[in-house]
Structures are given as structure tokens and as C-alpha cells.
């Protein structure tokens, strides 16, 4: 994957969370219930957004998101995403910061 391809995927994931972001599950349906990867959803967390844009390899490279949240004292992207008080703007900014890192 090239830097341009990676950054395009990061932007795509960012746009997904801006359209519908959630906490407590990777994906949620219209009723706000957690659903699986292959089920219809209207919102996703930061990690769910990465899985969605990497459908051919849902457990692929998390594009430095783990590195970025690790520097903030979290063990996982999911834990960082679900931190009480977290905002969708902070999640979107994480994707933007990841674009600035080398491959």
C-alpha cells in the first residue's frame, strides 16, 4: 500500500465516523444496538471504520492508530474510542494525525 492509498483509506474511515460514530461497539444499527461486521449499521467506532474501509482484510494494518493511541496511554484503538467524554471530533482528528506519519 502506498502512502497515498493509505491516506485515502484514512480519509474514507474518517468520513464514516463523521457520518455516524459510536462507542461501546464497532458497529451499531438504527436502534443503537451492537451488530456484527456483515450486518447493516449506521454508525461505527474508530476501529470499525478501519475494518469497513479494509473489507478485503478487516483485520489489516490499523494505519498507525494503535501507535497514536498508545502514546496517549491506551492499550487499544477501541479503548481510546470508548473513553468517557471522547468526541467524534477527536476521533476525526486521530485519522488526520495518522496521515502525517510515514508508512
C-alpha atoms as a PDB file:
ATOM      1  CA  UNK A   1       0.000   0.000   0.000  1.00  0.00           C
ATOM      2  CA  UNK A   2       1.373   3.399  -0.933  1.00  0.00           C
ATOM      3  CA  UNK A   3       1.264   6.472   1.277  1.00  0.00           C
ATOM      4  CA  UNK A   4      -1.425   7.955  -0.969  1.00  0.00           C
ATOM      5  CA  UNK A   5      -3.530   4.789  -0.794  1.00  0.00           C
ATOM      6  CA  UNK A   6      -3.178   4.630   2.982  1.00  0.00           C
ATOM      7  CA  UNK A   7      -4.156   8.272   3.391  1.00  0.00           C
ATOM      8  CA  UNK A   8      -7.160   7.796   1.109  1.00  0.00           C
ATOM      9  CA  UNK A   9      -8.307   4.890   3.327  1.00  0.00           C
ATOM     10  CA  UNK A  10      -7.765   7.011   6.444  1.00  0.00           C
ATOM     11  CA  UNK A  11      -9.873   9.783   4.931  1.00  0.00           C
ATOM     12  CA  UNK A  12     -12.579   7.293   3.984  1.00  0.00           C
ATOM     13  CA  UNK A  13     -12.619   5.937   7.551  1.00  0.00           C
ATOM     14  CA  UNK A  14     -12.730   9.471   8.953  1.00  0.00           C
ATOM     15  CA  UNK A  15     -15.751  10.272   6.793  1.00  0.00           C
ATOM     16  CA  UNK A  16     -17.506   7.129   8.069  1.00  0.00           C
ATOM     17  CA  UNK A  17     -17.175   8.224  11.693  1.00  0.00           C
ATOM     18  CA  UNK A  18     -18.279  11.745  10.813  1.00  0.00           C
ATOM     19  CA  UNK A  19     -21.447  10.290   9.244  1.00  0.00           C
ATOM     20  CA  UNK A  20     -22.149   8.115  12.270  1.00  0.00           C
ATOM     21  CA  UNK A  21     -19.875   7.490  15.239  1.00  0.00           C
ATOM     22  CA  UNK A  22     -20.479   5.221  18.210  1.00  0.00           C
ATOM     23  CA  UNK A  23     -18.899   3.969  21.382  1.00  0.00           C
ATOM     24  CA  UNK A  24     -19.165   0.575  23.038  1.00  0.00           C
ATOM     25  CA  UNK A  25     -19.255  -1.446  19.816  1.00  0.00           C
ATOM     26  CA  UNK A  26     -17.533  -1.488  16.460  1.00  0.00           C
ATOM     27  CA  UNK A  27     -20.870  -1.102  14.660  1.00  0.00           C
ATOM     28  CA  UNK A  28     -24.390  -0.148  15.746  1.00  0.00           C
ATOM     29  CA  UNK A  29     -27.720  -0.341  13.946  1.00  0.00           C
ATOM     30  CA  UNK A  30     -30.582   2.186  13.803  1.00  0.00           C
ATOM     31  CA  UNK A  31     -31.793   1.059  17.243  1.00  0.00           C
ATOM     32  CA  UNK A  32     -28.360   1.708  18.752  1.00  0.00           C
ATOM     33  CA  UNK A  33     -27.650  -1.995  19.206  1.00  0.00           C
ATOM     34  CA  UNK A  34     -24.264  -3.549  18.532  1.00  0.00           C
ATOM     35  CA  UNK A  35     -24.153  -5.520  15.283  1.00  0.00           C
ATOM     36  CA  UNK A  36     -21.527  -7.568  13.514  1.00  0.00           C
ATOM     37  CA  UNK A  37     -19.304  -6.545  10.635  1.00  0.00           C
ATOM     38  CA  UNK A  38     -21.552  -8.065   7.964  1.00  0.00           C
ATOM     39  CA  UNK A  39     -24.825  -6.675   9.365  1.00  0.00           C
ATOM     40  CA  UNK A  40     -26.385  -3.325   8.391  1.00  0.00           C
ATOM     41  CA  UNK A  41     -25.131  -0.483  10.560  1.00  0.00           C
ATOM     42  CA  UNK A  42     -25.497   3.282  10.732  1.00  0.00           C
ATOM     43  CA  UNK A  43     -22.538   4.073  12.979  1.00  0.00           C
ATOM     44  CA  UNK A  44     -19.079   2.780  13.741  1.00  0.00           C
ATOM     45  CA  UNK A  45     -16.207   3.379  16.122  1.00  0.00           C
ATOM     46  CA  UNK A  46     -12.679   4.295  15.004  1.00  0.00           C
ATOM     47  CA  UNK A  47     -11.642   0.654  14.674  1.00  0.00           C
ATOM     48  CA  UNK A  48     -14.902  -0.309  12.972  1.00  0.00           C
ATOM     49  CA  UNK A  49     -14.316   2.422  10.400  1.00  0.00           C
ATOM     50  CA  UNK A  50     -10.898   0.956   9.582  1.00  0.00           C
ATOM     51  CA  UNK A  51     -12.401  -2.527   9.259  1.00  0.00           C
ATOM     52  CA  UNK A  52     -15.133  -1.184   6.994  1.00  0.00           C
ATOM     53  CA  UNK A  53     -12.731   0.528   4.571  1.00  0.00           C
ATOM     54  CA  UNK A  54     -10.462  -2.526   4.554  1.00  0.00           C
ATOM     55  CA  UNK A  55     -13.275  -5.019   3.828  1.00  0.00           C
ATOM     56  CA  UNK A  56     -10.981  -7.306   1.884  1.00  0.00           C
ATOM     57  CA  UNK A  57      -8.820  -7.616   5.015  1.00  0.00           C
ATOM     58  CA  UNK A  58     -10.854  -6.440   8.018  1.00  0.00           C
ATOM     59  CA  UNK A  59      -8.077  -7.160  10.477  1.00  0.00           C
ATOM     60  CA  UNK A  60      -5.405  -5.435   8.425  1.00  0.00           C
ATOM     61  CA  UNK A  61      -2.964  -2.712   9.380  1.00  0.00           C
ATOM     62  CA  UNK A  62      -4.667  -0.122  11.614  1.00  0.00           C
ATOM     63  CA  UNK A  63      -2.631   2.626   9.919  1.00  0.00           C
ATOM     64  CA  UNK A  64      -0.682   3.784  12.979  1.00  0.00           C
ATOM     65  CA  UNK A  65      -3.862   4.404  15.001  1.00  0.00           C
ATOM     66  CA  UNK A  66      -2.623   1.938  17.636  1.00  0.00           C
ATOM     67  CA  UNK A  67       0.683   3.786  17.841  1.00  0.00           C
ATOM     68  CA  UNK A  68      -1.077   7.127  18.246  1.00  0.00           C
ATOM     69  CA  UNK A  69      -3.461   5.994  20.981  1.00  0.00           C
ATOM     70  CA  UNK A  70      -0.670   4.081  22.712  1.00  0.00           C
ATOM     71  CA  UNK A  71       1.224   7.330  23.114  1.00  0.00           C
ATOM     72  CA  UNK A  72      -1.834   8.661  24.932  1.00  0.00           C
ATOM     73  CA  UNK A  73      -1.815   5.813  27.467  1.00  0.00           C
ATOM     74  CA  UNK A  74      -4.345   3.441  25.897  1.00  0.00           C
ATOM     75  CA  UNK A  75      -3.831  -0.219  25.014  1.00  0.00           C
ATOM     76  CA  UNK A  76      -6.187  -0.244  22.034  1.00  0.00           C
ATOM     77  CA  UNK A  77      -7.978   1.904  19.495  1.00  0.00           C
ATOM     78  CA  UNK A  78     -11.266   0.598  20.879  1.00  0.00           C
ATOM     79  CA  UNK A  79     -10.375   1.593  24.434  1.00  0.00           C
ATOM     80  CA  UNK A  80      -9.357   5.050  23.297  1.00  0.00           C
ATOM     81  CA  UNK A  81     -12.528   5.435  21.205  1.00  0.00           C
ATOM     82  CA  UNK A  82     -14.728   4.375  24.139  1.00  0.00           C
ATOM     83  CA  UNK A  83     -13.136   6.645  26.734  1.00  0.00           C
ATOM     84  CA  UNK A  84     -15.906   8.618  28.503  1.00  0.00           C
ATOM     85  CA  UNK A  85     -16.016  12.176  27.204  1.00  0.00           C
ATOM     86  CA  UNK A  86     -14.392  11.261  23.858  1.00  0.00           C
ATOM     87  CA  UNK A  87     -15.879  13.214  20.935  1.00  0.00           C
ATOM     88  CA  UNK A  88     -16.314  12.482  17.258  1.00  0.00           C
ATOM     89  CA  UNK A  89     -14.110  15.486  16.532  1.00  0.00           C
ATOM     90  CA  UNK A  90     -11.262  13.870  18.477  1.00  0.00           C
ATOM     91  CA  UNK A  91     -11.736  10.652  16.541  1.00  0.00           C
ATOM     92  CA  UNK A  92     -11.678  12.513  13.213  1.00  0.00           C
ATOM     93  CA  UNK A  93      -8.517  14.329  14.311  1.00  0.00           C
ATOM     94  CA  UNK A  94      -6.852  10.981  15.102  1.00  0.00           C
ATOM     95  CA  UNK A  95      -7.293   9.938  11.467  1.00  0.00           C
ATOM     96  CA  UNK A  96      -5.822  13.255  10.327  1.00  0.00           C
ATOM     97  CA  UNK A  97      -2.802  12.838  12.624  1.00  0.00           C
ATOM     98  CA  UNK A  98      -2.243   9.315  11.308  1.00  0.00           C
ATOM     99  CA  UNK A  99      -1.995  10.712   7.762  1.00  0.00           C
ATOM    100  CA  UNK A 100       1.035  12.720   8.846  1.00  0.00           C
ATOM    101  CA  UNK A 101       3.024   9.618   9.857  1.00  0.00           C
ATOM    102  CA  UNK A 102       5.311   7.739   7.469  1.00  0.00           C
ATOM    103  CA  UNK A 103       4.363   4.276   6.214  1.00  0.00           C
END
